[in-house]
C-alpha cells in the first residue's frame, strides 16, 4: 500500500475507534441518567405520599388532642345537649374499651328516638366531623311506626384517647 493511503486509512480507523468509544460512553451516561431520573420520580412520588400522610396524621393528632378530657359517654352527651335533643336521647351505654398502642379505644352505643331527618343529620355530622375525637362505626335508622316522618336511631361511636389522660376507669 502506498504511503499516501496509509495515513488516511489509519486516521480513519482511529476515528472509528474514538467514535465507537464515545458512542458507548454516551449510551452508558444516558442509561445512568434514565436510572437516576426514575429514582428521582419515585422519590418525588414517595415525598408527595409522605406529605399527604403527614398532613393526615397532624389532623388526626390535632383532633385527638382537641378532646376536652371527657369520656366517650360524656362527649356524646355534650354533643346531643348542644343540639337541644336531650329529651330525644333514649340511652348512652358503653360497649367496649381496649388498649392499643398507647391509646384507649372506647366504644359506646347512642340510642335516639323520634328525630326529624334534619336533627338526625346534624347529630351525625356533629359526632363525625365536630371538634370531638369521636368516630361513627355503625348506625341503624328506623322509621317510627305511628309517624313516618320521625326516625329512631342507634349509633355506635368510638373514641380514641391517649393513655395518660386519666380517662381510664
N, C-alpha and C. Protein backbone atom coordinates (compact mmCIF):
# COMPACT_ATOMS: atom_id res chain seq x y z
N UNK A 1 0.84 -1.16 0.00
CA UNK A 1 0.00 0.00 0.00
C UNK A 1 0.90 1.25 0.00
N UNK A 2 0.41 2.20 -0.60
CA UNK A 2 1.19 3.40 -0.74
C UNK A 2 1.10 4.22 0.53
N UNK A 3 2.11 4.98 0.73
CA UNK A 3 2.23 5.78 1.94
C UNK A 3 1.13 6.83 1.99
N UNK A 4 0.73 7.38 0.89
CA UNK A 4 -0.30 8.41 0.89
C UNK A 4 -1.66 7.85 1.30
N UNK A 5 -1.91 6.55 1.12
CA UNK A 5 -3.18 5.96 1.55
C UNK A 5 -3.10 5.40 2.97
N UNK A 6 -1.93 5.13 3.43
CA UNK A 6 -1.74 4.55 4.74
C UNK A 6 -2.17 5.51 5.86
N UNK A 7 -1.75 6.72 5.80
CA UNK A 7 -2.05 7.69 6.86
C UNK A 7 -3.55 7.97 6.94
N UNK A 8 -4.25 8.23 5.86
CA UNK A 8 -5.70 8.46 5.98
C UNK A 8 -6.45 7.21 6.45
N UNK A 9 -6.02 6.03 6.06
CA UNK A 9 -6.73 4.82 6.50
C UNK A 9 -6.49 4.59 7.99
N UNK A 10 -5.27 4.83 8.49
CA UNK A 10 -5.00 4.69 9.93
C UNK A 10 -5.81 5.76 10.69
N UNK A 11 -5.82 6.96 10.16
CA UNK A 11 -6.60 8.03 10.77
C UNK A 11 -8.09 7.68 10.79
N UNK A 12 -8.58 7.07 9.73
CA UNK A 12 -9.98 6.65 9.66
C UNK A 12 -10.29 5.58 10.69
N UNK A 13 -9.40 4.60 10.85
CA UNK A 13 -9.59 3.53 11.85
C UNK A 13 -9.58 4.14 13.25
N UNK A 14 -8.65 5.05 13.51
CA UNK A 14 -8.58 5.70 14.82
C UNK A 14 -9.86 6.50 15.08
N UNK A 15 -10.34 7.21 14.08
CA UNK A 15 -11.58 7.97 14.25
C UNK A 15 -12.78 7.05 14.52
N UNK A 16 -12.83 5.91 13.83
CA UNK A 16 -13.91 4.93 14.06
C UNK A 16 -13.83 4.39 15.49
N UNK A 17 -12.63 4.10 15.96
CA UNK A 17 -12.47 3.59 17.34
C UNK A 17 -12.88 4.67 18.34
N UNK A 18 -12.48 5.91 18.11
CA UNK A 18 -12.85 7.01 19.01
C UNK A 18 -14.37 7.20 18.99
N UNK A 19 -14.97 7.16 17.79
CA UNK A 19 -16.41 7.33 17.67
C UNK A 19 -17.15 6.19 18.39
N UNK A 20 -16.69 4.95 18.27
CA UNK A 20 -17.32 3.80 18.94
C UNK A 20 -17.21 3.94 20.46
N UNK A 21 -16.03 4.35 20.94
CA UNK A 21 -15.85 4.53 22.38
C UNK A 21 -16.75 5.66 22.89
N UNK A 22 -16.85 6.72 22.13
CA UNK A 22 -17.73 7.83 22.52
C UNK A 22 -19.18 7.42 22.52
N UNK A 23 -19.59 6.63 21.57
CA UNK A 23 -20.96 6.16 21.49
C UNK A 23 -21.29 5.27 22.69
N UNK A 24 -20.37 4.38 23.03
CA UNK A 24 -20.58 3.50 24.19
C UNK A 24 -20.65 4.35 25.46
N UNK A 25 -19.78 5.32 25.56
CA UNK A 25 -19.78 6.21 26.73
C UNK A 25 -21.08 7.00 26.82
N UNK A 26 -21.58 7.50 25.71
CA UNK A 26 -22.83 8.26 25.69
C UNK A 26 -23.99 7.36 26.10
N UNK A 27 -24.03 6.12 25.60
CA UNK A 27 -25.09 5.18 25.99
C UNK A 27 -25.04 4.90 27.48
N UNK A 28 -23.84 4.74 28.01
CA UNK A 28 -23.68 4.48 29.45
C UNK A 28 -24.17 5.68 30.28
N UNK A 29 -23.78 6.88 29.87
CA UNK A 29 -24.22 8.08 30.58
C UNK A 29 -25.74 8.25 30.45
N UNK A 30 -26.27 7.96 29.27
CA UNK A 30 -27.70 8.06 29.04
C UNK A 30 -28.47 7.07 29.92
N UNK A 31 -27.96 5.84 30.06
CA UNK A 31 -28.60 4.84 30.92
C UNK A 31 -28.56 5.28 32.37
N UNK A 32 -27.40 5.80 32.80
CA UNK A 32 -27.29 6.30 34.18
C UNK A 32 -28.27 7.45 34.41
N UNK A 33 -28.42 8.32 33.41
CA UNK A 33 -29.34 9.45 33.53
C UNK A 33 -30.78 8.94 33.68
N UNK A 34 -31.16 7.96 32.85
CA UNK A 34 -32.52 7.41 32.93
C UNK A 34 -32.77 6.74 34.28
N UNK A 35 -31.79 5.98 34.77
CA UNK A 35 -31.94 5.34 36.08
C UNK A 35 -32.08 6.39 37.19
N UNK A 36 -31.26 7.42 37.13
CA UNK A 36 -31.34 8.50 38.12
C UNK A 36 -32.67 9.22 38.02
N UNK A 37 -33.14 9.42 36.81
CA UNK A 37 -34.43 10.10 36.59
C UNK A 37 -35.58 9.25 37.17
N UNK A 38 -35.55 7.94 36.96
CA UNK A 38 -36.58 7.05 37.52
C UNK A 38 -36.55 7.09 39.04
N UNK A 39 -35.34 7.04 39.61
CA UNK A 39 -35.22 7.10 41.07
C UNK A 39 -35.73 8.43 41.61
N UNK A 40 -35.43 9.52 40.90
CA UNK A 40 -35.91 10.84 41.31
C UNK A 40 -37.44 10.90 41.25
N UNK A 41 -38.04 10.37 40.18
CA UNK A 41 -39.50 10.35 40.07
C UNK A 41 -40.13 9.53 41.20
N UNK A 42 -39.52 8.38 41.50
CA UNK A 42 -40.01 7.54 42.60
C UNK A 42 -39.87 8.27 43.94
N UNK A 43 -38.77 8.95 44.12
CA UNK A 43 -38.55 9.72 45.35
C UNK A 43 -39.58 10.84 45.48
N UNK A 44 -39.86 11.54 44.38
CA UNK A 44 -40.86 12.62 44.40
C UNK A 44 -42.24 12.06 44.74
N UNK A 45 -42.57 10.90 44.17
CA UNK A 45 -43.86 10.28 44.46
C UNK A 45 -43.93 9.91 45.94
N UNK A 46 -42.86 9.33 46.48
CA UNK A 46 -42.83 8.97 47.90
C UNK A 46 -42.89 10.22 48.79
N UNK A 47 -42.25 11.28 48.35
CA UNK A 47 -42.27 12.52 49.12
C UNK A 47 -43.69 13.10 49.15
N UNK A 48 -44.39 13.06 48.02
CA UNK A 48 -45.78 13.54 47.99
C UNK A 48 -46.67 12.69 48.89
N UNK A 49 -46.47 11.37 48.84
CA UNK A 49 -47.25 10.48 49.70
C UNK A 49 -46.95 10.75 51.18
N UNK A 50 -45.68 10.98 51.49
CA UNK A 50 -45.30 11.29 52.86
C UNK A 50 -45.97 12.59 53.33
N UNK A 51 -45.96 13.61 52.48
CA UNK A 51 -46.57 14.88 52.85
C UNK A 51 -48.06 14.72 53.10
N UNK A 52 -48.75 13.95 52.25
CA UNK A 52 -50.18 13.78 52.45
C UNK A 52 -50.46 12.99 53.72
N UNK A 53 -49.66 11.94 53.98
CA UNK A 53 -49.85 11.17 55.21
C UNK A 53 -49.50 12.01 56.43
N UNK A 54 -48.49 12.85 56.33
CA UNK A 54 -48.10 13.72 57.44
C UNK A 54 -49.22 14.70 57.76
N UNK A 55 -49.84 15.26 56.72
CA UNK A 55 -50.96 16.17 56.94
C UNK A 55 -52.12 15.44 57.62
N UNK A 56 -52.38 14.21 57.19
CA UNK A 56 -53.47 13.42 57.78
C UNK A 56 -53.17 13.10 59.25
N UNK A 57 -51.93 12.72 59.54
CA UNK A 57 -51.54 12.42 60.92
C UNK A 57 -51.63 13.68 61.78
N UNK A 58 -51.17 14.81 61.26
CA UNK A 58 -51.27 16.07 62.01
C UNK A 58 -52.72 16.41 62.31
N UNK A 59 -53.61 16.21 61.31
CA UNK A 59 -55.03 16.48 61.51
C UNK A 59 -55.60 15.56 62.58
N UNK A 60 -55.25 14.27 62.50
CA UNK A 60 -55.78 13.33 63.49
C UNK A 60 -55.22 13.60 64.88
N UNK A 61 -53.94 13.96 64.98
CA UNK A 61 -53.37 14.30 66.28
C UNK A 61 -54.02 15.55 66.86
N UNK A 62 -54.29 16.53 66.00
CA UNK A 62 -54.96 17.75 66.45
C UNK A 62 -56.37 17.41 66.93
N UNK A 63 -57.05 16.56 66.18
CA UNK A 63 -58.41 16.18 66.57
C UNK A 63 -58.38 15.34 67.84
N UNK A 64 -57.38 14.49 67.97
CA UNK A 64 -57.26 13.66 69.17
C UNK A 64 -56.96 14.51 70.39
N UNK A 65 -56.12 15.51 70.23
CA UNK A 65 -55.77 16.36 71.36
C UNK A 65 -56.83 17.42 71.64
N UNK A 66 -57.78 17.60 70.71
CA UNK A 66 -58.81 18.62 70.91
C UNK A 66 -59.89 18.17 71.88
N UNK A 67 -59.91 16.89 72.22
CA UNK A 67 -60.88 16.41 73.20
C UNK A 67 -60.64 17.10 74.54
N UNK A 68 -61.70 17.34 75.24
CA UNK A 68 -61.59 18.09 76.49
C UNK A 68 -61.35 17.16 77.67
N UNK A 69 -60.83 15.98 77.43
CA UNK A 69 -60.58 15.04 78.51
C UNK A 69 -61.84 14.34 78.98
N UNK A 70 -62.89 14.39 78.16
CA UNK A 70 -64.15 13.75 78.52
C UNK A 70 -64.16 12.31 78.02
N UNK A 71 -64.90 11.47 78.73
CA UNK A 71 -65.05 10.10 78.26
C UNK A 71 -66.00 10.09 77.06
N UNK A 72 -66.13 8.95 76.44
CA UNK A 72 -66.98 8.81 75.27
C UNK A 72 -68.43 9.17 75.62
N UNK A 73 -68.92 8.69 76.74
CA UNK A 73 -70.31 8.94 77.13
C UNK A 73 -70.52 10.43 77.39
N UNK A 74 -69.59 11.07 78.10
CA UNK A 74 -69.71 12.49 78.37
C UNK A 74 -69.65 13.32 77.08
N UNK A 75 -68.77 12.92 76.18
CA UNK A 75 -68.62 13.65 74.92
C UNK A 75 -69.87 13.51 74.06
N UNK A 76 -70.42 12.30 73.94
CA UNK A 76 -71.64 12.09 73.16
C UNK A 76 -72.80 12.85 73.79
N UNK A 77 -72.89 12.84 75.12
CA UNK A 77 -73.94 13.57 75.82
C UNK A 77 -73.79 15.08 75.58
N UNK A 78 -72.56 15.58 75.57
CA UNK A 78 -72.32 17.00 75.31
C UNK A 78 -72.79 17.39 73.90
N UNK A 79 -72.49 16.53 72.91
CA UNK A 79 -72.89 16.81 71.53
C UNK A 79 -74.42 16.84 71.42
N UNK A 80 -75.09 15.89 72.03
CA UNK A 80 -76.55 15.82 71.95
C UNK A 80 -77.18 17.00 72.69
N UNK A 81 -76.64 17.36 73.84
CA UNK A 81 -77.16 18.53 74.57
C UNK A 81 -76.95 19.82 73.80
N UNK A 82 -75.82 19.92 73.08
CA UNK A 82 -75.55 21.15 72.32
C UNK A 82 -76.57 21.34 71.19
N UNK A 83 -77.17 20.27 70.72
CA UNK A 83 -78.20 20.35 69.69
C UNK A 83 -79.60 20.48 70.28
N UNK A 84 -79.71 20.46 71.61
CA UNK A 84 -81.00 20.60 72.26
C UNK A 84 -81.88 19.37 72.13
N UNK A 85 -81.29 18.21 72.07
CA UNK A 85 -82.04 16.97 71.86
C UNK A 85 -81.97 16.03 73.07
N UNK A 86 -81.80 16.59 74.25
CA UNK A 86 -81.67 15.76 75.45
C UNK A 86 -82.92 14.90 75.66
N UNK A 87 -84.11 15.45 75.38
CA UNK A 87 -85.35 14.69 75.59
C UNK A 87 -85.52 13.57 74.56
N UNK A 88 -84.79 13.62 73.46
CA UNK A 88 -84.88 12.57 72.43
C UNK A 88 -83.88 11.44 72.68
N UNK A 89 -83.00 11.64 73.65
CA UNK A 89 -81.99 10.63 73.96
C UNK A 89 -82.62 9.51 74.78
N UNK A 90 -82.59 8.30 74.24
CA UNK A 90 -83.11 7.15 74.98
C UNK A 90 -82.04 6.60 75.90
N UNK A 91 -80.82 6.39 75.38
CA UNK A 91 -79.75 5.87 76.23
C UNK A 91 -78.39 6.07 75.57
N UNK A 92 -77.38 6.13 76.43
CA UNK A 92 -75.98 6.08 76.00
C UNK A 92 -75.34 5.03 76.91
N UNK A 93 -74.81 3.99 76.30
CA UNK A 93 -74.19 2.96 77.13
C UNK A 93 -72.86 2.53 76.53
N UNK A 94 -71.88 2.26 77.38
CA UNK A 94 -70.58 1.81 76.89
C UNK A 94 -70.69 0.38 76.35
N UNK A 95 -69.98 0.11 75.28
CA UNK A 95 -69.99 -1.22 74.68
C UNK A 95 -68.69 -1.95 74.99
N UNK A 96 -67.56 -1.30 74.73
CA UNK A 96 -66.27 -1.95 74.99
C UNK A 96 -65.20 -0.89 75.20
N UNK A 97 -64.08 -1.37 75.74
CA UNK A 97 -62.93 -0.50 75.98
C UNK A 97 -61.69 -1.37 75.87
N UNK A 98 -60.71 -0.92 75.08
CA UNK A 98 -59.48 -1.71 74.94
C UNK A 98 -58.29 -0.78 74.74
N UNK A 99 -57.12 -1.29 75.08
CA UNK A 99 -55.87 -0.55 74.91
C UNK A 99 -55.21 -0.99 73.61
N UNK A 100 -54.66 -0.02 72.89
CA UNK A 100 -53.94 -0.32 71.65
C UNK A 100 -52.89 0.74 71.42
N UNK A 101 -51.64 0.35 71.40
CA UNK A 101 -50.51 1.22 71.06
C UNK A 101 -50.51 2.53 71.84
N UNK A 102 -50.68 2.45 73.13
CA UNK A 102 -50.64 3.65 73.96
C UNK A 102 -51.91 4.48 73.92
N UNK A 103 -52.95 3.95 73.33
CA UNK A 103 -54.23 4.65 73.25
C UNK A 103 -55.31 3.77 73.88
N UNK A 104 -56.36 4.41 74.36
CA UNK A 104 -57.53 3.69 74.86
C UNK A 104 -58.64 3.91 73.85
N UNK A 105 -59.17 2.81 73.31
CA UNK A 105 -60.26 2.89 72.34
C UNK A 105 -61.54 2.49 73.06
N UNK A 106 -62.46 3.43 73.15
CA UNK A 106 -63.73 3.22 73.83
C UNK A 106 -64.83 3.19 72.78
N UNK A 107 -65.78 2.29 72.95
CA UNK A 107 -66.94 2.25 72.06
C UNK A 107 -68.20 2.36 72.90
N UNK A 108 -69.19 3.04 72.35
CA UNK A 108 -70.45 3.19 73.06
C UNK A 108 -71.60 3.24 72.08
N UNK A 109 -72.80 2.95 72.59
CA UNK A 109 -73.99 2.95 71.76
C UNK A 109 -74.88 4.11 72.20
N UNK A 110 -75.29 4.92 71.24
CA UNK A 110 -76.17 6.06 71.50
C UNK A 110 -77.50 5.75 70.82
N UNK A 111 -78.58 5.71 71.62
CA UNK A 111 -79.92 5.46 71.08
C UNK A 111 -80.75 6.73 71.19
N UNK A 112 -81.26 7.15 70.06
CA UNK A 112 -82.10 8.36 69.99
C UNK A 112 -83.45 7.97 69.41
N UNK A 113 -84.50 8.68 69.81
CA UNK A 113 -85.83 8.35 69.30
C UNK A 113 -86.57 9.59 68.85
N UNK A 114 -87.47 9.38 67.90
CA UNK A 114 -88.38 10.40 67.39
C UNK A 114 -87.63 11.65 66.89
N UNK A 115 -86.64 11.42 66.05
CA UNK A 115 -85.87 12.51 65.46
C UNK A 115 -86.41 12.86 64.08
N UNK A 116 -86.35 14.13 63.72
CA UNK A 116 -86.60 14.52 62.35
C UNK A 116 -85.31 14.27 61.57
N UNK A 117 -85.42 14.19 60.27
CA UNK A 117 -84.25 13.90 59.43
C UNK A 117 -83.16 14.95 59.63
N UNK A 118 -83.52 16.22 59.71
CA UNK A 118 -82.54 17.29 59.89
C UNK A 118 -81.81 17.14 61.22
N UNK A 119 -82.55 16.82 62.28
CA UNK A 119 -81.93 16.63 63.59
C UNK A 119 -80.97 15.44 63.56
N UNK A 120 -81.39 14.38 62.91
CA UNK A 120 -80.54 13.20 62.79
C UNK A 120 -79.25 13.53 62.04
N UNK A 121 -79.37 14.23 60.93
CA UNK A 121 -78.18 14.58 60.14
C UNK A 121 -77.25 15.52 60.92
N UNK A 122 -77.82 16.45 61.67
CA UNK A 122 -77.00 17.34 62.49
C UNK A 122 -76.22 16.56 63.55
N UNK A 123 -76.87 15.60 64.19
CA UNK A 123 -76.19 14.78 65.20
C UNK A 123 -75.08 13.96 64.55
N UNK A 124 -75.38 13.32 63.43
CA UNK A 124 -74.37 12.51 62.74
C UNK A 124 -73.18 13.37 62.32
N UNK A 125 -73.46 14.54 61.77
CA UNK A 125 -72.38 15.44 61.36
C UNK A 125 -71.56 15.88 62.56
N UNK A 126 -72.23 16.28 63.63
CA UNK A 126 -71.52 16.76 64.82
C UNK A 126 -70.68 15.66 65.44
N UNK A 127 -71.20 14.43 65.45
CA UNK A 127 -70.43 13.32 66.02
C UNK A 127 -69.21 12.99 65.17
N UNK A 128 -69.37 12.98 63.85
CA UNK A 128 -68.27 12.54 63.00
C UNK A 128 -67.31 13.65 62.60
N UNK A 129 -67.80 14.85 62.41
CA UNK A 129 -66.94 15.93 61.90
C UNK A 129 -66.70 17.04 62.91
N UNK A 130 -67.26 16.94 64.07
CA UNK A 130 -67.13 18.01 65.05
C UNK A 130 -65.75 18.05 65.67
N UNK A 131 -65.63 18.86 66.70
CA UNK A 131 -64.37 19.06 67.40
C UNK A 131 -63.98 17.81 68.17
N UNK A 132 -64.98 17.06 68.63
CA UNK A 132 -64.70 15.90 69.47
C UNK A 132 -64.01 14.79 68.69
N UNK A 133 -63.17 14.02 69.35
CA UNK A 133 -62.47 12.93 68.66
C UNK A 133 -63.32 11.66 68.59
N UNK A 134 -64.57 11.77 68.17
CA UNK A 134 -65.45 10.61 68.04
C UNK A 134 -65.51 10.17 66.59
N UNK A 135 -65.80 8.89 66.40
CA UNK A 135 -65.93 8.34 65.06
C UNK A 135 -67.14 7.42 65.04
N UNK A 136 -67.97 7.55 64.04
CA UNK A 136 -69.13 6.67 63.91
C UNK A 136 -68.67 5.37 63.26
N UNK A 137 -68.93 4.26 63.95
CA UNK A 137 -68.55 2.95 63.40
C UNK A 137 -69.71 2.31 62.68
N UNK A 138 -70.90 2.39 63.27
CA UNK A 138 -72.09 1.77 62.71
C UNK A 138 -73.30 2.57 63.12
N UNK A 139 -74.34 2.47 62.33
CA UNK A 139 -75.60 3.08 62.74
C UNK A 139 -76.76 2.37 62.05
N UNK A 140 -77.87 2.37 62.76
CA UNK A 140 -79.10 1.85 62.16
C UNK A 140 -80.20 2.86 62.40
N UNK A 141 -81.02 3.05 61.39
CA UNK A 141 -82.08 4.04 61.44
C UNK A 141 -83.38 3.35 61.04
N UNK A 142 -84.43 3.59 61.83
CA UNK A 142 -85.74 3.02 61.54
C UNK A 142 -86.77 4.13 61.61
N UNK A 143 -87.80 3.99 60.81
CA UNK A 143 -88.91 4.95 60.89
C UNK A 143 -89.80 4.59 62.07
N UNK A 144 -90.35 5.62 62.68
CA UNK A 144 -91.29 5.40 63.78
C UNK A 144 -92.60 4.91 63.16
N UNK A 145 -93.23 3.92 63.77
CA UNK A 145 -94.41 3.29 63.20
C UNK A 145 -95.59 4.24 63.10
N UNK A 146 -95.85 5.01 64.15
CA UNK A 146 -97.05 5.86 64.14
C UNK A 146 -96.86 7.18 63.40
N UNK A 147 -95.61 7.64 63.19
CA UNK A 147 -95.36 8.86 62.44
C UNK A 147 -94.17 8.60 61.52
N UNK A 148 -94.44 8.44 60.23
CA UNK A 148 -93.40 8.02 59.27
C UNK A 148 -92.35 9.09 59.02
N UNK A 149 -92.56 10.32 59.49
CA UNK A 149 -91.57 11.37 59.30
C UNK A 149 -90.48 11.34 60.36
N UNK A 150 -90.70 10.63 61.45
CA UNK A 150 -89.74 10.58 62.55
C UNK A 150 -88.91 9.31 62.48
N UNK A 151 -87.71 9.39 63.05
CA UNK A 151 -86.76 8.28 62.99
C UNK A 151 -86.30 7.89 64.38
N UNK A 152 -86.03 6.61 64.55
CA UNK A 152 -85.32 6.09 65.72
C UNK A 152 -83.94 5.70 65.23
N UNK A 153 -82.89 6.09 65.96
CA UNK A 153 -81.52 5.82 65.50
C UNK A 153 -80.72 5.17 66.62
N UNK A 154 -79.90 4.23 66.21
CA UNK A 154 -78.93 3.61 67.11
C UNK A 154 -77.56 3.79 66.45
N UNK A 155 -76.67 4.49 67.15
CA UNK A 155 -75.37 4.83 66.58
C UNK A 155 -74.28 4.28 67.48
N UNK A 156 -73.36 3.50 66.91
CA UNK A 156 -72.20 3.02 67.65
C UNK A 156 -71.05 3.97 67.32
N UNK A 157 -70.53 4.63 68.36
CA UNK A 157 -69.42 5.57 68.18
C UNK A 157 -68.20 5.05 68.92
N UNK A 158 -67.05 5.46 68.45
CA UNK A 158 -65.81 5.09 69.15
C UNK A 158 -65.00 6.36 69.40
N UNK A 159 -64.20 6.28 70.42
CA UNK A 159 -63.37 7.40 70.82
C UNK A 159 -61.97 6.89 71.09
N UNK A 160 -60.99 7.62 70.64
CA UNK A 160 -59.60 7.26 70.89
C UNK A 160 -59.03 8.32 71.82
N UNK A 161 -58.51 7.86 72.95
CA UNK A 161 -57.98 8.75 73.96
C UNK A 161 -56.55 8.32 74.27
N UNK A 162 -55.66 9.26 74.43
CA UNK A 162 -54.29 8.92 74.81
C UNK A 162 -54.32 8.29 76.19
N UNK A 163 -53.47 7.29 76.41
CA UNK A 163 -53.50 6.53 77.66
C UNK A 163 -53.23 7.35 78.90
N UNK A 164 -52.50 8.40 78.83
CA UNK A 164 -52.11 9.15 80.02
C UNK A 164 -53.08 10.24 80.41
N UNK A 165 -54.30 10.30 79.87
CA UNK A 165 -55.18 11.44 80.13
C UNK A 165 -56.07 11.27 81.34
N UNK A 166 -56.04 10.12 81.98
CA UNK A 166 -56.82 9.93 83.20
C UNK A 166 -58.24 9.50 82.94
N UNK A 167 -58.58 9.14 81.71
CA UNK A 167 -59.94 8.73 81.40
C UNK A 167 -60.16 7.25 81.64
N UNK A 168 -59.11 6.50 81.90
CA UNK A 168 -59.29 5.07 82.13
C UNK A 168 -59.97 4.86 83.46
N UNK A 169 -60.83 3.87 83.50
CA UNK A 169 -61.51 3.56 84.74
C UNK A 169 -60.92 2.34 85.37
